Amino acid sequence: MKILFLGLRFPYPPHRGDKIRSYNFIKHLAAKHSLIAVFFSESDGEIDVVKHIKPYCELVKLVPFHKNIARLNSMLHLFSQKPLQIWYWYSHQMQRTIDELVDKYDFDIIHVQFFRMARYVTKFTQYHKVLDLGDAMSLNLHRRATLEKSMAWPMVKLEELRVRRYETEILKDFDMGTMVSAFDRDYLLSLDDSLNLEVVPMGVDLEYFQPSDVQYRPQLLFTGTMNYFPNYDAVWYFYHKIFPYIKQARPDVTFYVVGNDPLPKLKRLESNRDIVVTGHVPEIRPYFAQSVVFVSPLRGGSGIQVKNLEAMAMGVPVVTTSVGAAGIEATIGHDLIVADEPKEFAAKVIQLLDDPNLRQQIGQNGRRLVEEKYNWPDVVSRLDRIYEQIGCVKSEYEFS
């Protein structure tokens, strides 16, 4: 098949959930299909790394993205019924680029990553189209609205209502929508049970993330993009509500927070000398290898937490919340550990710190789970079957 693949952010380096998903979709789809890929480019440096995507694509197009114009566009549409995210990511140049490609090539499938890109292709009714929503952004915003204490709350709540309406309506312009988890799919189906939705989960590069023989330290780890609300909320919550119980039992333990763009208020916590906030690191695996427990005390967000899957792939036992575990098809207490109350969460972490056999058991079970259910070749084969399914269904309809 010839596929027009439309993504939001350029997917290299694949160091955050949306980029990881786009990069691996392209990499593994390229084994069977011809891809033309289009992305926004947020910096001049991305032009230099196109070489990492080109081997998998017949053609790669980058459209410059200007944040100041995006912010102005959002302000001008402050009272629109559409989500502000739609206006933030709207570009006439992107629309022209897509129109030109559709005029020039005969595509079998138009694949769109995330609802912010969906409006660019709704007019192309002659093509089979798949919208990969990833997670349910309306659920993400709903959870944020319950946690948000700042002056931003009214805008977060308004955006939630806009996105909830938009997500369900825009899906009707596509043959199929895909979600990273059954939990997210069922959330959108509870809003509109007529939607065509399938689950295509996140995956892990199992060759890259492997258990290590490096001697661990009395170290807890959290990873993620640290200017993203669910991540910095999780760190702030853990450090102030959970970590004190752990330190009381194990004063030697250090908490490492590894990820891009940490907020200043998180960096200031380092003055207490029991937390390290690294910012960007060139290689994340050593931090997994040296950590005894991966803590993921998420209260917000949606979808599958890639950070949890990466820790499991490295054989590091994960303690998370119900929110953090919601998208993962795991047996609780066997593949990972779930606790929602601060004292209970701390107790589970302390138990793992003190019991090397339990650590090994949970770590091995977690690795086995991601091997069975979250390896990228099998994940992308699900997407490939969806392409075949909608192609066959439409063909039968068209010739009936």
Protein backbone atom coordinates (compact mmCIF):
# COMPACT_ATOMS: atom_id res chain seq x y z
CA MET A 1 0.00 0.00 0.00
CA LYS A 2 0.97 3.61 -0.48
CA ILE A 3 0.38 5.47 2.78
CA LEU A 4 0.25 9.19 3.50
CA PHE A 5 1.42 9.40 7.11
CA LEU A 6 0.61 12.69 8.85
CA GLY A 7 2.22 13.36 12.19
CA LEU A 8 2.34 16.25 14.59
CA ARG A 9 5.93 16.53 15.84
CA PHE A 10 8.92 15.22 13.91
CA PRO A 11 9.48 11.81 15.55
CA TYR A 12 13.23 11.84 16.02
CA PRO A 13 14.73 11.47 18.51
CA PRO A 14 11.95 9.23 19.83
CA HIS A 15 12.20 10.34 23.46
CA ARG A 16 8.55 11.08 24.33
CA GLY A 17 5.36 9.07 23.91
CA ASP A 18 3.98 10.67 20.75
CA LYS A 19 7.34 10.58 18.97
CA ILE A 20 8.02 7.01 20.06
CA ARG A 21 4.70 5.94 18.59
CA SER A 22 5.14 7.76 15.26
CA TYR A 23 8.74 6.63 14.83
CA ASN A 24 8.00 2.96 15.43
CA PHE A 25 4.85 2.97 13.31
CA ILE A 26 6.90 4.32 10.38
CA LYS A 27 9.87 2.02 10.99
CA HIS A 28 7.80 -1.15 11.04
CA LEU A 29 5.20 -0.19 8.43
CA ALA A 30 8.04 0.45 5.98
CA ALA A 31 8.78 -3.27 5.82
CA LYS A 32 5.58 -3.80 3.78
CA HIS A 33 4.41 -0.40 2.57
CA SER A 34 5.52 2.76 0.78
CA LEU A 35 5.24 5.80 3.03
CA ILE A 36 5.16 9.52 2.39
CA ALA A 37 5.43 11.29 5.75
CA VAL A 38 4.60 14.87 6.71
CA PHE A 39 5.39 16.52 10.04
CA PHE A 40 5.68 19.92 11.61
CA SER A 41 9.26 21.01 12.26
CA GLU A 42 9.67 22.89 15.53
CA SER A 43 13.37 23.69 15.09
CA ASP A 44 15.99 24.05 12.37
CA GLY A 45 17.91 21.15 13.90
CA GLU A 46 15.23 18.71 12.86
CA ILE A 47 16.24 19.16 9.23
CA ASP A 48 19.56 17.53 10.11
CA VAL A 49 17.95 14.44 11.63
CA VAL A 50 15.57 13.69 8.75
CA LYS A 51 18.21 11.14 7.74
CA HIS A 52 16.97 8.93 10.58
CA ILE A 53 13.49 8.73 9.03
CA LYS A 54 14.31 8.83 5.30
CA PRO A 55 15.37 5.16 5.03
CA TYR A 56 11.80 4.19 5.88
CA CYS A 57 10.00 6.67 3.61
CA GLU A 58 9.68 7.36 -0.07
CA LEU A 59 9.45 11.06 0.81
CA VAL A 60 9.59 13.15 4.02
CA LYS A 61 8.11 16.65 4.15
CA LEU A 62 8.68 19.10 7.00
CA VAL A 63 6.48 22.15 7.49
CA PRO A 64 7.93 24.91 9.71
CA PHE A 65 6.04 25.48 12.94
CA HIS A 66 6.15 28.94 14.50
CA LYS A 67 5.14 29.04 18.18
CA ASN A 68 4.42 32.77 18.22
CA ILE A 69 2.00 32.43 15.31
CA ALA A 70 0.45 29.38 16.97
CA ARG A 71 -0.12 31.29 20.21
CA LEU A 72 -1.65 34.22 18.34
CA ASN A 73 -3.89 31.85 16.38
CA SER A 74 -5.10 30.32 19.66
CA MET A 75 -5.84 33.74 21.16
CA LEU A 76 -7.80 34.81 18.10
CA HIS A 77 -9.99 31.72 18.45
CA LEU A 78 -10.33 31.84 22.22
CA PHE A 79 -14.12 31.59 22.02
CA SER A 80 -14.27 29.02 19.22
CA GLN A 81 -16.22 25.82 19.75
CA LYS A 82 -13.21 23.86 18.50
CA PRO A 83 -10.40 23.03 20.94
CA LEU A 84 -7.63 25.60 21.19
CA GLN A 85 -5.18 22.80 20.34
CA ILE A 86 -6.73 22.63 16.88
CA TRP A 87 -6.06 26.30 16.27
CA TYR A 88 -2.62 26.14 17.84
CA TRP A 89 -1.57 23.48 15.33
CA TYR A 90 -3.35 24.89 12.29
CA SER A 91 -1.19 26.06 9.41
CA HIS A 92 -2.16 27.13 5.89
CA GLN A 93 1.24 25.89 4.71
CA MET A 94 0.55 22.45 6.16
CA GLN A 95 -2.81 22.33 4.39
CA ARG A 96 -1.20 23.32 1.07
CA THR A 97 1.52 20.69 1.47
CA ILE A 98 -1.03 17.94 2.11
CA ASP A 99 -3.27 19.11 -0.75
CA GLU A 100 -0.32 19.01 -3.17
CA LEU A 101 0.64 15.49 -2.12
CA VAL A 102 -2.92 14.22 -2.47
CA ASP A 103 -3.10 15.75 -5.97
CA LYS A 104 0.20 14.18 -6.99
CA TYR A 105 -0.02 10.66 -5.51
CA ASP A 106 -2.64 7.95 -5.44
CA PHE A 107 -2.77 6.85 -1.82
CA ASP A 108 -4.36 3.70 -0.50
CA ILE A 109 -4.50 4.93 3.10
CA ILE A 110 -4.23 8.28 4.83
CA HIS A 111 -2.95 7.70 8.36
CA VAL A 112 -3.29 10.62 10.78
CA GLN A 113 -1.52 10.76 14.13
CA PHE A 114 -3.61 12.52 16.78
CA PHE A 115 -6.77 14.57 16.52
CA ARG A 116 -4.89 17.87 16.12
CA MET A 117 -3.99 16.80 12.55
CA ALA A 118 -7.38 15.38 11.61
CA ARG A 119 -8.96 18.51 10.12
CA TYR A 120 -6.36 18.61 7.34
CA VAL A 121 -7.83 15.52 5.62
CA THR A 122 -11.55 15.46 6.36
CA LYS A 123 -12.34 16.76 2.86
CA PHE A 124 -10.63 13.79 1.18
CA THR A 125 -13.67 11.52 1.19
CA GLN A 126 -12.34 9.36 -1.67
CA TYR A 127 -9.59 7.86 0.51
CA HIS A 128 -9.51 5.26 3.26
CA LYS A 129 -8.52 7.09 6.44
CA VAL A 130 -7.33 6.00 9.89
CA LEU A 131 -7.11 8.39 12.84
CA ASP A 132 -4.74 7.25 15.57
CA LEU A 133 -5.96 9.22 18.55
CA GLY A 134 -3.46 7.53 20.84
CA ASP A 135 -5.05 8.20 24.20
CA ALA A 136 -8.32 9.93 25.03
CA MET A 137 -7.30 13.56 25.42
CA SER A 138 -10.67 14.47 26.90
CA LEU A 139 -10.01 11.97 29.70
CA ASN A 140 -6.53 13.44 30.16
CA LEU A 141 -7.99 16.94 30.52
CA HIS A 142 -10.77 15.72 32.81
CA ARG A 143 -8.19 14.29 35.21
CA ARG A 144 -6.14 17.45 35.02
CA ALA A 145 -9.19 19.57 35.79
CA THR A 146 -9.75 17.60 39.00
CA LEU A 147 -6.14 18.28 40.09
CA GLU A 148 -5.51 21.77 38.75
CA LYS A 149 -5.32 24.37 41.53
CA SER A 150 -4.05 27.34 39.54
CA MET A 151 -5.77 30.15 37.67
CA ALA A 152 -5.62 27.91 34.58
CA TRP A 153 -8.49 25.73 35.84
CA PRO A 154 -11.31 27.47 33.88
CA MET A 155 -9.41 27.14 30.59
CA VAL A 156 -8.52 23.49 31.31
CA LYS A 157 -12.17 22.68 32.02
CA LEU A 158 -13.39 24.54 28.94
CA GLU A 159 -10.82 22.77 26.78
CA GLU A 160 -11.94 19.42 28.19
CA LEU A 161 -15.51 20.06 27.06
CA ARG A 162 -14.36 21.20 23.63
CA VAL A 163 -12.08 18.21 23.14
CA ARG A 164 -14.74 15.75 24.32
CA ARG A 165 -17.10 17.02 21.63
CA TYR A 166 -14.42 17.26 18.94
CA GLU A 167 -12.83 13.82 19.49
CA THR A 168 -16.11 12.00 19.00
CA GLU A 169 -17.26 14.10 16.04
CA ILE A 170 -14.01 14.07 14.06
CA LEU A 171 -13.81 10.27 14.27
CA LYS A 172 -16.91 10.05 12.08
CA ASP A 173 -14.88 11.41 9.16
CA PHE A 174 -12.55 8.40 9.35
CA ASP A 175 -13.00 4.72 8.53
CA MET A 176 -11.42 3.72 11.82
CA GLY A 177 -9.98 5.24 14.96
CA THR A 178 -7.25 3.60 17.01
CA MET A 179 -6.43 3.96 20.71
CA VAL A 180 -3.52 2.81 22.83
CA SER A 181 -5.66 0.97 25.36
CA ALA A 182 -9.06 -0.63 25.90
CA PHE A 183 -9.53 1.75 28.83
CA ASP A 184 -9.25 4.82 26.58
CA ARG A 185 -11.35 3.20 23.85
CA ASP A 186 -14.13 2.38 26.30
CA TYR A 187 -14.06 5.92 27.66
CA LEU A 188 -14.80 7.37 24.21
CA LEU A 189 -17.39 4.67 23.51
CA SER A 190 -19.15 5.71 26.71
CA LEU A 191 -19.54 9.15 25.10
CA ASP A 192 -20.67 7.77 21.73
CA ASP A 193 -21.13 4.02 21.21
CA SER A 194 -21.41 4.40 17.42
CA LEU A 195 -17.67 5.07 17.00
CA ASN A 196 -15.43 2.64 15.11
CA LEU A 197 -12.47 2.14 17.45
CA GLU A 198 -9.76 -0.50 17.74
CA VAL A 199 -6.89 -0.90 20.19
CA VAL A 200 -3.31 -0.58 18.94
CA PRO A 201 -1.17 -0.33 22.09
CA MET A 202 2.16 1.32 22.70
CA GLY A 203 5.25 -0.82 22.39
CA VAL A 204 8.81 -1.08 23.62
CA ASP A 205 12.07 -1.56 21.75
CA LEU A 206 13.02 -4.80 23.47
CA GLU A 207 16.52 -4.86 22.00
CA TYR A 208 17.26 -1.39 23.34
CA PHE A 209 15.61 -1.79 26.74
CA GLN A 210 16.98 -4.97 28.32
CA PRO A 211 17.71 -6.06 31.88
CA SER A 212 21.21 -5.07 32.98
CA ASP A 213 23.77 -6.57 35.35
CA VAL A 214 24.79 -3.13 36.63
CA GLN A 215 24.75 -3.03 40.42
CA TYR A 216 21.80 -0.96 41.56
CA ARG A 217 21.98 1.81 44.12
CA PRO A 218 19.36 2.61 46.82
CA GLN A 219 17.74 4.74 44.16
CA LEU A 220 14.15 5.32 43.04
CA LEU A 221 13.44 6.53 39.52
CA PHE A 222 10.80 8.47 37.61
CA THR A 223 11.16 9.42 33.94
CA GLY A 224 9.23 11.63 31.55
CA THR A 225 8.94 15.01 29.88
CA MET A 226 8.91 17.19 32.95
CA ASN A 227 6.93 20.21 31.73
CA TYR A 228 3.97 17.92 31.01
CA PHE A 229 1.35 18.36 33.74
CA PRO A 230 0.75 14.68 34.68
CA ASN A 231 4.50 14.12 35.07
CA TYR A 232 5.42 17.11 37.20
CA ASP A 233 2.26 16.61 39.24
CA ALA A 234 3.32 13.00 39.90
CA VAL A 235 6.80 14.04 41.02
CA TRP A 236 5.52 16.85 43.23
CA TYR A 237 2.91 14.55 44.79
CA PHE A 238 5.42 11.73 45.34
CA TYR A 239 8.08 13.92 46.86
CA HIS A 240 5.78 15.67 49.33
CA LYS A 241 3.20 12.98 50.14
CA ILE A 242 4.92 9.59 49.70
CA PHE A 243 8.69 10.00 49.85
CA PRO A 244 8.77 11.16 53.51
CA TYR A 245 7.38 7.77 54.63
CA ILE A 246 10.07 5.99 52.59
CA LYS A 247 12.85 8.20 53.97
CA GLN A 248 11.69 7.49 57.49
CA ALA A 249 12.29 3.77 56.93
CA ARG A 250 15.22 4.06 54.52
CA PRO A 251 17.16 7.33 55.00
CA ASP A 252 19.75 6.23 52.42
CA VAL A 253 17.33 6.30 49.47
CA THR A 254 17.65 8.92 46.70
CA PHE A 255 14.92 9.87 44.22
CA TYR A 256 16.02 10.48 40.61
CA VAL A 257 13.80 12.42 38.19
CA VAL A 258 15.08 12.02 34.64
CA GLY A 259 13.59 13.84 31.66
CA ASN A 260 13.55 16.95 29.51
CA ASP A 261 12.44 20.44 30.54
CA PRO A 262 11.99 20.18 34.33
CA LEU A 263 10.13 23.11 35.85
CA PRO A 264 12.17 25.44 38.08
CA LYS A 265 10.13 24.45 41.14
CA LEU A 266 11.26 20.84 40.65
CA LYS A 267 14.91 21.83 40.24
CA ARG A 268 14.73 23.77 43.50
CA LEU A 269 13.93 20.56 45.37
CA GLU A 270 17.53 19.45 44.79
CA SER A 271 18.62 21.70 47.64
CA ASN A 272 17.24 19.02 49.97
CA ARG A 273 19.94 16.60 48.72
CA ASP A 274 17.65 13.58 48.52
CA ILE A 275 16.36 14.20 44.99
CA VAL A 276 18.23 14.62 41.70
CA VAL A 277 16.45 16.33 38.78
CA THR A 278 18.66 15.71 35.77
CA GLY A 279 16.95 17.43 32.88
CA HIS A 280 17.92 16.05 29.48
CA VAL A 281 20.26 13.06 29.47
CA PRO A 282 21.81 11.51 26.34
CA GLU A 283 21.18 7.96 27.56
CA ILE A 284 18.42 6.88 29.92
CA ARG A 285 19.22 3.18 30.34
CA PRO A 286 21.92 3.61 33.01
CA TYR A 287 19.36 5.28 35.27
CA PHE A 288 17.03 2.30 34.95
CA ALA A 289 19.90 -0.10 35.51
CA GLN A 290 21.03 1.61 38.72
CA SER A 291 17.54 1.96 40.20
CA VAL A 292 15.97 -0.51 42.59
CA VAL A 293 12.35 0.55 42.02
CA PHE A 294 10.59 2.57 39.34
CA VAL A 295 7.94 4.78 40.95
CA SER A 296 5.09 6.06 38.81
CA PRO A 297 2.58 7.81 41.12
CA LEU A 298 0.47 9.31 38.36
CA ARG A 299 -2.80 11.04 39.17
CA GLY A 300 -3.38 12.55 35.73
CA GLY A 301 -2.84 11.64 32.10
CA SER A 302 -4.37 8.89 29.99
CA GLY A 303 -3.36 6.07 27.67
CA ILE A 304 -0.48 3.68 28.30
CA GLN A 305 2.46 4.99 30.28
CA VAL A 306 5.50 4.21 28.14
CA LYS A 307 7.74 4.94 31.12
CA ASN A 308 6.23 1.95 32.92
CA LEU A 309 6.72 -0.34 29.91
CA GLU A 310 10.36 0.76 29.56
CA ALA A 311 11.04 0.06 33.23
CA MET A 312 9.41 -3.36 32.92
CA ALA A 313 11.47 -4.11 29.82
CA MET A 314 14.60 -3.29 31.83
CA GLY A 315 13.50 -5.69 34.56
CA VAL A 316 12.96 -2.90 37.10
CA PRO A 317 9.91 -3.48 39.34
CA VAL A 318 7.23 -0.81 38.95
CA VAL A 319 5.04 0.66 41.65
CA THR A 320 2.31 2.80 40.16
CA THR A 321 -1.22 4.03 40.74
CA SER A 322 -4.48 2.80 39.24
CA VAL A 323 -4.22 5.67 36.76
CA GLY A 324 -0.66 4.67 35.79
CA ALA A 325 -1.61 1.01 35.34
CA ALA A 326 -4.98 1.55 33.64
CA GLY A 327 -3.88 0.94 30.05
CA ILE A 328 -1.53 -1.99 30.68
CA GLU A 329 -2.83 -5.56 30.39
CA ALA A 330 -0.99 -6.67 33.50
CA THR A 331 -1.77 -8.85 36.50
CA ILE A 332 -1.54 -6.55 39.51
CA GLY A 333 0.88 -7.86 42.12
CA HIS A 334 2.48 -10.16 39.57
CA ASP A 335 3.71 -7.96 36.71
CA LEU A 336 3.64 -4.62 38.54
CA ILE A 337 2.40 -3.24 41.84
CA VAL A 338 -0.44 -0.76 42.29
CA ALA A 339 -1.12 1.48 45.27
CA ASP A 340 -3.21 4.65 45.40
CA GLU A 341 -2.85 5.94 48.96
CA PRO A 342 0.46 7.58 49.99
CA LYS A 343 1.16 5.29 52.97
CA GLU A 344 0.28 2.18 50.97
CA PHE A 345 2.44 3.33 48.03
CA ALA A 346 5.38 3.98 50.36
CA ALA A 347 4.91 0.58 52.03
CA LYS A 348 5.05 -1.22 48.66
CA VAL A 349 8.24 0.62 47.72
CA ILE A 350 9.85 -0.17 51.08
CA GLN A 351 8.91 -3.82 50.69
CA LEU A 352 10.72 -3.96 47.35
CA LEU A 353 13.73 -2.12 48.78
CA ASP A 354 14.01 -4.71 51.55
CA ASP A 355 13.20 -7.89 49.57
CA PRO A 356 15.60 -8.70 46.69
CA ASN A 357 13.72 -11.89 45.78
CA LEU A 358 10.45 -10.00 45.35
CA ARG A 359 12.24 -7.35 43.28
CA GLN A 360 13.63 -10.01 40.98
CA GLN A 361 10.30 -11.79 40.66
CA ILE A 362 8.29 -8.67 39.79
CA GLY A 363 11.05 -7.47 37.46
CA GLN A 364 11.17 -10.76 35.55
CA ASN A 365 7.39 -10.94 35.29
CA GLY A 366 7.26 -7.40 33.95
CA ARG A 367 9.86 -8.17 31.31
CA ARG A 368 7.95 -11.27 30.24
CA LEU A 369 4.73 -9.28 29.90
CA VAL A 370 6.19 -6.66 27.57
CA GLU A 371 7.81 -9.38 25.48
CA GLU A 372 4.43 -11.04 25.03
CA LYS A 373 2.19 -8.02 24.51
CA TYR A 374 4.16 -4.85 23.84
CA ASN A 375 6.85 -5.59 21.27
CA TRP A 376 6.68 -3.20 18.33
CA PRO A 377 6.51 -5.70 15.43
CA ASP A 378 3.38 -7.32 16.90
CA VAL A 379 1.87 -3.94 17.77
CA VAL A 380 2.27 -2.61 14.23
CA SER A 381 0.91 -5.84 12.77
CA ARG A 382 -2.38 -4.91 14.48
CA LEU A 383 -2.37 -1.60 12.64
CA ASP A 384 -1.58 -3.38 9.38
CA ARG A 385 -4.59 -5.66 9.83
CA ILE A 386 -6.79 -2.59 10.32
CA TYR A 387 -5.53 -1.16 7.03
CA GLU A 388 -6.43 -4.41 5.28
CA GLN A 389 -9.79 -4.57 7.03
CA ILE A 390 -10.99 -1.10 6.03
CA GLY A 391 -9.65 -1.55 2.49
CA CYS A 392 -11.58 -4.80 2.05
CA VAL A 393 -14.76 -3.48 3.64
CA LYS A 394 -14.83 -0.37 1.46
CA SER A 395 -13.99 -2.31 -1.69
CA GLU A 396 -16.89 -4.70 -1.10
CA TYR A 397 -19.20 -1.76 -0.53
CA GLU A 398 -18.05 0.14 -3.57
CA PHE A 399 -18.56 -2.81 -5.93
CA SER A 400 -21.81 -4.11 -4.45
